[in-house]
Protein backbone atom coordinates (compact mmCIF):
# COMPACT_ATOMS: atom_id res chain seq x y z
CA MET A 1 129.04 -57.84 63.72
CA THR A 2 129.26 -54.63 64.87
CA SER A 3 126.53 -51.68 64.29
CA LEU A 4 129.16 -49.71 62.36
CA TYR A 5 129.88 -52.83 60.21
CA GLN A 6 125.94 -53.13 59.16
CA ALA A 7 125.82 -49.81 58.60
CA MET A 8 128.47 -50.17 55.97
CA LEU A 9 126.85 -52.89 54.54
CA SER A 10 123.36 -51.53 54.41
CA GLN A 11 124.60 -48.64 52.91
CA ALA A 12 126.89 -50.07 50.34
CA VAL A 13 123.73 -51.99 49.21
CA SER A 14 122.07 -48.87 48.01
CA GLY A 15 125.49 -47.74 46.60
CA GLN A 16 126.22 -45.06 49.09
CA LEU A 17 129.17 -44.98 51.92
CA PRO A 18 127.94 -43.91 55.44
CA SER A 19 128.17 -40.27 56.18
CA MET A 20 130.65 -38.77 58.64
CA ARG A 21 128.03 -38.19 60.79
CA VAL A 22 127.01 -42.27 61.19
CA VAL A 23 130.68 -42.73 61.65
CA SER A 24 131.54 -40.20 64.38
CA GLN A 25 128.79 -42.18 66.47
CA PHE A 26 131.76 -44.55 66.85
CA SER A 27 134.92 -44.77 68.99
CA ALA A 28 138.41 -45.12 67.25
CA ALA A 29 138.18 -48.95 68.98
CA GLU A 30 135.22 -49.48 67.39
CA ILE A 31 136.19 -48.39 63.99
CA ARG A 32 139.60 -50.28 64.19
CA GLN A 33 137.35 -53.60 64.88
CA THR A 34 134.83 -52.87 61.97
CA LEU A 35 137.80 -52.45 59.42
CA ALA A 36 139.66 -55.55 60.68
CA ASP A 37 135.81 -57.37 59.78
CA LEU A 38 135.84 -55.51 56.26
CA VAL A 39 138.93 -56.71 55.83
CA THR A 40 138.46 -60.45 56.54
CA ALA A 41 135.38 -59.98 54.54
CA ASP A 42 137.21 -59.17 51.58
CA ARG A 43 135.64 -55.64 51.62
CA LEU A 44 138.41 -53.31 50.57
CA ASP A 45 136.29 -50.97 49.14
CA LEU A 46 134.63 -50.25 52.13
CA ALA A 47 137.38 -50.81 54.50
CA ASN A 48 139.34 -47.60 52.56
CA ALA A 49 136.27 -45.27 52.63
CA LEU A 50 135.95 -46.08 56.30
CA ALA A 51 139.57 -46.01 57.19
CA ASP A 52 139.91 -42.45 55.45
CA ALA A 53 136.81 -41.49 57.83
CA GLY A 54 138.74 -42.77 60.79
CA GLN A 55 141.51 -40.48 59.94
CA SER A 56 139.66 -37.76 59.28
CA LEU A 57 137.84 -38.13 62.94
CA TYR A 58 140.67 -39.13 64.67
CA PRO A 59 143.90 -38.42 63.07
CA ASP A 60 146.18 -38.97 66.53
CA SER A 61 144.36 -42.47 67.77
CA GLU A 62 147.14 -45.12 67.65
CA ASP A 63 144.27 -47.61 66.92
CA ILE A 64 143.38 -45.73 63.79
CA LEU A 65 147.00 -45.30 62.97
CA ALA A 66 147.68 -48.79 62.96
CA ILE A 67 144.83 -50.28 61.40
CA CYS A 68 145.34 -48.22 58.71
CA ALA A 69 149.19 -48.82 58.48
CA LEU A 70 147.80 -52.82 58.00
CA LEU A 71 145.33 -51.71 55.63
CA ALA A 72 147.84 -50.02 53.53
CA GLU A 73 150.27 -52.99 53.80
CA ILE A 74 147.92 -55.32 52.65
CA GLN A 75 147.12 -53.23 49.66
CA ARG A 76 150.90 -52.69 48.94
CA ASP A 77 150.84 -49.19 49.38
CA TRP A 78 154.21 -48.77 51.33
CA THR A 79 154.47 -45.08 50.94
CA ALA A 80 151.26 -44.49 52.91
CA ALA A 81 152.18 -47.53 55.12
CA GLU A 82 155.62 -45.73 55.88
CA ASP A 83 153.96 -42.82 56.76
CA LEU A 84 151.20 -44.27 58.92
CA LEU A 85 153.72 -46.46 60.92
CA ARG A 86 156.08 -43.41 61.10
CA GLN A 87 153.09 -41.18 62.78
CA LEU A 88 152.34 -44.07 65.10
CA VAL A 89 156.06 -44.18 66.27
CA ASP A 90 155.99 -40.71 67.19
CA LYS A 91 152.60 -41.06 68.92
CA GLN A 92 154.26 -44.15 70.98
CA GLY A 93 157.54 -42.56 71.51
CA ALA A 94 159.18 -44.78 74.07
CA ALA A 95 156.30 -47.43 74.20
CA THR A 96 156.79 -48.10 70.36
CA THR A 97 155.74 -51.91 70.28
CA ALA A 98 158.61 -54.48 68.74
CA PHE A 99 155.14 -55.75 66.47
CA THR A 100 155.34 -52.10 65.25
CA TRP A 101 159.12 -51.15 64.79
CA ARG A 102 158.72 -54.90 62.88
CA HIS A 103 155.82 -53.81 60.18
CA LEU A 104 158.12 -50.41 59.82
CA ILE A 105 161.05 -52.39 59.27
CA ARG A 106 158.99 -54.97 56.59
CA VAL A 107 157.64 -51.94 54.87
CA LEU A 108 160.83 -50.15 54.48
CA ARG A 109 162.12 -53.15 52.97
CA CYS A 110 159.05 -53.58 50.92
CA GLN A 111 160.38 -50.27 49.16
CA CYS A 112 164.06 -51.31 48.53
CA GLU A 113 165.32 -49.08 51.72
CA PRO A 114 167.33 -51.53 53.38
CA GLY A 115 169.97 -48.46 54.66
CA LYS A 116 166.76 -47.00 56.03
CA ALA A 117 165.28 -50.04 57.52
CA LEU A 118 168.71 -50.82 59.01
CA LEU A 119 168.56 -47.61 60.80
CA VAL A 120 165.16 -48.28 61.96
CA ALA A 121 165.94 -51.80 62.99
CA LYS A 122 168.99 -50.47 65.29
CA GLN A 123 166.46 -47.94 67.01
CA ALA A 124 164.47 -51.03 67.58
CA MET A 125 167.01 -53.26 68.73
CA ALA A 126 167.94 -50.64 71.60
CA ALA A 127 164.32 -50.75 73.01
CA TYR A 128 164.14 -54.72 72.47
CA PRO A 129 167.46 -56.34 72.76
CA GLU A 130 166.07 -59.99 73.19
CA ASP A 131 163.32 -59.69 70.75
CA PRO A 132 164.27 -62.46 68.62
CA LEU A 133 162.41 -61.57 65.35
CA LEU A 134 163.60 -57.95 65.72
CA ASN A 135 167.33 -59.70 66.30
CA ASP A 136 167.25 -61.89 62.76
CA GLU A 137 165.85 -59.18 61.43
CA PHE A 138 168.38 -56.79 62.47
CA LEU A 139 171.22 -58.94 61.47
CA ALA A 140 169.85 -59.77 58.27
CA LEU A 141 170.02 -56.14 57.09
CA GLN A 142 173.37 -55.82 58.35
CA GLU A 143 174.66 -58.62 55.81
CA LEU A 144 172.38 -57.05 53.65
CA VAL A 145 173.85 -53.31 53.47
CA SER A 146 177.48 -54.66 54.09
CA GLU A 147 176.86 -56.67 50.94
CA GLN A 148 175.82 -53.70 49.06
CA MET A 149 178.65 -51.06 49.81
CA PRO A 150 181.14 -50.10 47.38
CA VAL A 151 184.27 -51.81 47.46
CA GLU A 152 186.00 -48.23 47.32
CA ALA A 153 183.99 -47.67 50.69
CA SER A 154 184.87 -51.03 52.64
CA PRO A 155 187.67 -50.55 55.56
CA GLN A 156 191.35 -51.03 53.99
CA LEU A 157 193.43 -53.87 55.76
CA HIS A 158 197.01 -52.24 56.08
């Protein structure tokens, strides 16, 4: 149990949340680990408060963007998850991981946006052409999007 986790719990017992002064003493990586621990303990109320503080303190941290996106996914806040994942992709640039791409695709699918998810899957496949999970996702999205095309938009055979 991290010292930030202990501070979060002790403050919660007294009905308070740790101040920014307390949270600011910890690194982005320590906040990320504490967020993971809070989620594991099913303390989403405290996790959300810490996520807000972490984003305020470290708005460009890959650790914070990633864990906050996962927290948003857990809570099915797809809009927030998409925003955070897109920020993470922008931050990581060409070094965006296959894991990040898969999460962004999943979030877009959960928002019933298969066209957008397919575009993201194409980007991901350009970076990771050998990733079997991305390949499966790409093929499934291609099929889904082609099934949704109106008949008049389909190519005509002559």
